[in-house]
Amino acid sequence: MQFQFNSDSSVMGTENVAERIEAQLRERLARFEDRLTRLEVHVRDVNGSKHGADDKHCTIEARIRGDKPIGVTGKADKVDDAARKAASTLVQRLERHFGKADRHSHDARPDKVL
């Protein structure tokens, strides 16, 4: 699974932030890793140098092998918290997506094959 990190100029410590978020996402999404081709993470500070509630946004797009991508966004006061919220939402969406796919996949039973 490829990992791509993008941030705007107002997010400080980009390398360190990218490493922390990548480690967190790889840990949270380890069980889906063989079903995902790429994770694209976008982190930005909406207000720039001004401070405000929930001004850090983290958008994650998970590219699913052979299916449409799923995108989620988390908002918080800190970049890591926004990434954590987005990761939690993504895990829920992927569980729901793959749960449905697993329930609806039908293997031909030997006695039913013509």
C-alpha atoms as a PDB file:
ATOM      1  CA  MET A   1       0.000   0.000   0.000  1.00  0.00           C
ATOM      2  CA  GLN A   2       1.444   3.350  -1.051  1.00  0.00           C
ATOM      3  CA  PHE A   3       1.243   6.342   1.267  1.00  0.00           C
ATOM      4  CA  GLN A   4       1.109   9.899  -0.054  1.00  0.00           C
ATOM      5  CA  PHE A   5       1.170  12.904   2.297  1.00  0.00           C
ATOM      6  CA  ASN A   6       0.293  16.477   1.303  1.00  0.00           C
ATOM      7  CA  SER A   7       0.170  19.563   3.506  1.00  0.00           C
ATOM      8  CA  ASP A   8      -0.117  23.289   3.135  1.00  0.00           C
ATOM      9  CA  SER A   9       2.638  25.683   4.148  1.00  0.00           C
ATOM     10  CA  SER A  10       1.022  26.567   7.477  1.00  0.00           C
ATOM     11  CA  VAL A  11       1.381  23.037   8.913  1.00  0.00           C
ATOM     12  CA  MET A  12       4.675  23.091  10.777  1.00  0.00           C
ATOM     13  CA  GLY A  13       7.073  20.145  11.070  1.00  0.00           C
ATOM     14  CA  THR A  14       5.809  18.486   7.908  1.00  0.00           C
ATOM     15  CA  GLU A  15       8.276  15.563   7.964  1.00  0.00           C
ATOM     16  CA  ASN A  16       7.573  14.664  11.552  1.00  0.00           C
ATOM     17  CA  VAL A  17       3.827  15.086  11.084  1.00  0.00           C
ATOM     18  CA  ALA A  18       3.890  12.920   7.961  1.00  0.00           C
ATOM     19  CA  GLU A  19       5.780  10.134   9.743  1.00  0.00           C
ATOM     20  CA  ARG A  20       3.462  10.162  12.766  1.00  0.00           C
ATOM     21  CA  ILE A  21       0.305  10.138  10.659  1.00  0.00           C
ATOM     22  CA  GLU A  22       1.619   7.411   8.351  1.00  0.00           C
ATOM     23  CA  ALA A  23       2.546   5.183  11.312  1.00  0.00           C
ATOM     24  CA  GLN A  24      -0.848   5.761  12.914  1.00  0.00           C
ATOM     25  CA  LEU A  25      -2.733   4.964   9.689  1.00  0.00           C
ATOM     26  CA  ARG A  26      -0.678   1.879   8.847  1.00  0.00           C
ATOM     27  CA  GLU A  27      -1.378   0.518  12.342  1.00  0.00           C
ATOM     28  CA  ARG A  28      -5.118   1.282  12.212  1.00  0.00           C
ATOM     29  CA  LEU A  29      -5.575  -0.036   8.653  1.00  0.00           C
ATOM     30  CA  ALA A  30      -3.248  -3.061   8.789  1.00  0.00           C
ATOM     31  CA  ARG A  31      -6.114  -5.549   8.353  1.00  0.00           C
ATOM     32  CA  PHE A  32      -7.218  -3.809   5.134  1.00  0.00           C
ATOM     33  CA  GLU A  33      -3.720  -3.379   3.695  1.00  0.00           C
ATOM     34  CA  ASP A  34      -4.019  -6.116   1.059  1.00  0.00           C
ATOM     35  CA  ARG A  35      -7.282  -4.578  -0.190  1.00  0.00           C
ATOM     36  CA  LEU A  36      -5.974  -1.004  -0.503  1.00  0.00           C
ATOM     37  CA  THR A  37      -3.599   0.271  -3.159  1.00  0.00           C
ATOM     38  CA  ARG A  38      -2.913   3.759  -1.815  1.00  0.00           C
ATOM     39  CA  LEU A  39      -3.723   6.174   0.991  1.00  0.00           C
ATOM     40  CA  GLU A  40      -3.661   9.858   0.159  1.00  0.00           C
ATOM     41  CA  VAL A  41      -3.570  12.215   3.146  1.00  0.00           C
ATOM     42  CA  HIS A  42      -4.115  15.973   2.912  1.00  0.00           C
ATOM     43  CA  VAL A  43      -3.508  18.097   6.017  1.00  0.00           C
ATOM     44  CA  ARG A  44      -4.206  21.801   6.172  1.00  0.00           C
ATOM     45  CA  ASP A  45      -4.705  24.622   8.610  1.00  0.00           C
ATOM     46  CA  VAL A  46      -7.810  26.501   7.537  1.00  0.00           C
ATOM     47  CA  ASN A  47      -7.026  29.710   9.442  1.00  0.00           C
ATOM     48  CA  GLY A  48      -3.279  29.779   8.861  1.00  0.00           C
ATOM     49  CA  SER A  49      -1.566  31.726  11.621  1.00  0.00           C
ATOM     50  CA  LYS A  50      -4.849  32.547  13.366  1.00  0.00           C
ATOM     51  CA  HIS A  51      -6.164  30.091  15.927  1.00  0.00           C
ATOM     52  CA  GLY A  52      -9.668  28.745  16.019  1.00  0.00           C
ATOM     53  CA  ALA A  53     -11.736  25.763  16.991  1.00  0.00           C
ATOM     54  CA  ASP A  54     -11.387  22.802  14.643  1.00  0.00           C
ATOM     55  CA  ASP A  55      -9.183  24.735  12.220  1.00  0.00           C
ATOM     56  CA  LYS A  56      -6.947  21.730  11.371  1.00  0.00           C
ATOM     57  CA  HIS A  57      -8.413  19.478   8.669  1.00  0.00           C
ATOM     58  CA  CYS A  58      -7.182  16.044   7.665  1.00  0.00           C
ATOM     59  CA  THR A  59      -8.676  14.436   4.565  1.00  0.00           C
ATOM     60  CA  ILE A  60      -7.860  10.808   3.795  1.00  0.00           C
ATOM     61  CA  GLU A  61      -8.673   9.091   0.535  1.00  0.00           C
ATOM     62  CA  ALA A  62      -8.324   5.312   0.505  1.00  0.00           C
ATOM     63  CA  ARG A  63      -7.940   3.767  -2.944  1.00  0.00           C
ATOM     64  CA  ILE A  64      -9.592   0.356  -2.891  1.00  0.00           C
ATOM     65  CA  ARG A  65      -8.255  -2.335  -5.204  1.00  0.00           C
ATOM     66  CA  GLY A  66     -10.786  -2.772  -8.028  1.00  0.00           C
ATOM     67  CA  ASP A  67     -13.365  -0.367  -6.546  1.00  0.00           C
ATOM     68  CA  LYS A  68     -14.131   3.314  -6.064  1.00  0.00           C
ATOM     69  CA  PRO A  69     -12.088   5.276  -3.492  1.00  0.00           C
ATOM     70  CA  ILE A  70     -13.467   6.281  -0.106  1.00  0.00           C
ATOM     71  CA  GLY A  71     -12.750   9.740   1.300  1.00  0.00           C
ATOM     72  CA  VAL A  72     -13.188  11.055   4.846  1.00  0.00           C
ATOM     73  CA  THR A  73     -12.334  14.268   6.710  1.00  0.00           C
ATOM     74  CA  GLY A  74     -11.501  14.925  10.349  1.00  0.00           C
ATOM     75  CA  LYS A  75     -11.436  18.353  11.996  1.00  0.00           C
ATOM     76  CA  ALA A  76      -9.788  19.274  15.297  1.00  0.00           C
ATOM     77  CA  ASP A  77      -7.623  21.836  17.072  1.00  0.00           C
ATOM     78  CA  LYS A  78      -4.450  19.779  16.460  1.00  0.00           C
ATOM     79  CA  VAL A  79      -3.275  18.030  13.291  1.00  0.00           C
ATOM     80  CA  ASP A  80      -2.778  14.680  15.048  1.00  0.00           C
ATOM     81  CA  ASP A  81      -6.287  14.793  16.507  1.00  0.00           C
ATOM     82  CA  ALA A  82      -7.772  15.616  13.109  1.00  0.00           C
ATOM     83  CA  ALA A  83      -5.867  12.661  11.593  1.00  0.00           C
ATOM     84  CA  ARG A  84      -7.081  10.381  14.405  1.00  0.00           C
ATOM     85  CA  LYS A  85     -10.712  11.393  13.803  1.00  0.00           C
ATOM     86  CA  ALA A  86     -10.377  10.891  10.053  1.00  0.00           C
ATOM     87  CA  ALA A  87      -8.713   7.495  10.595  1.00  0.00           C
ATOM     88  CA  SER A  88     -11.528   6.355  12.906  1.00  0.00           C
ATOM     89  CA  THR A  89     -14.141   7.372  10.363  1.00  0.00           C
ATOM     90  CA  LEU A  90     -12.202   5.633   7.587  1.00  0.00           C
ATOM     91  CA  VAL A  91     -11.967   2.395   9.576  1.00  0.00           C
ATOM     92  CA  GLN A  92     -15.750   2.453  10.100  1.00  0.00           C
ATOM     93  CA  ARG A  93     -16.387   3.117   6.408  1.00  0.00           C
ATOM     94  CA  LEU A  94     -14.003   0.367   5.305  1.00  0.00           C
ATOM     95  CA  GLU A  95     -15.516  -2.121   7.770  1.00  0.00           C
ATOM     96  CA  ARG A  96     -18.952  -1.336   6.388  1.00  0.00           C
ATOM     97  CA  HIS A  97     -17.746  -1.462   2.767  1.00  0.00           C
ATOM     98  CA  PHE A  98     -15.840  -4.733   3.042  1.00  0.00           C
ATOM     99  CA  GLY A  99     -18.447  -6.265   5.330  1.00  0.00           C
ATOM    100  CA  LYS A 100     -21.081  -5.748   2.649  1.00  0.00           C
ATOM    101  CA  ALA A 101     -18.763  -7.047  -0.053  1.00  0.00           C
ATOM    102  CA  ASP A 102     -17.984 -10.168   1.982  1.00  0.00           C
ATOM    103  CA  ARG A 103     -21.655 -10.811   2.695  1.00  0.00           C
ATOM    104  CA  HIS A 104     -22.587 -10.443  -0.961  1.00  0.00           C
ATOM    105  CA  SER A 105     -19.772 -12.445  -2.500  1.00  0.00           C
ATOM    106  CA  HIS A 106     -21.086 -15.806  -3.574  1.00  0.00           C
ATOM    107  CA  ASP A 107     -18.897 -18.813  -4.101  1.00  0.00           C
ATOM    108  CA  ALA A 108     -20.440 -21.488  -6.253  1.00  0.00           C
ATOM    109  CA  ARG A 109     -21.105 -24.520  -4.125  1.00  0.00           C
ATOM    110  CA  PRO A 110     -20.027 -27.787  -5.771  1.00  0.00           C
ATOM    111  CA  ASP A 111     -23.548 -29.237  -5.643  1.00  0.00           C
ATOM    112  CA  LYS A 112     -25.014 -26.132  -7.326  1.00  0.00           C
ATOM    113  CA  VAL A 113     -22.580 -25.881 -10.239  1.00  0.00           C
ATOM    114  CA  LEU A 114     -24.094 -26.889 -13.567  1.00  0.00           C
END
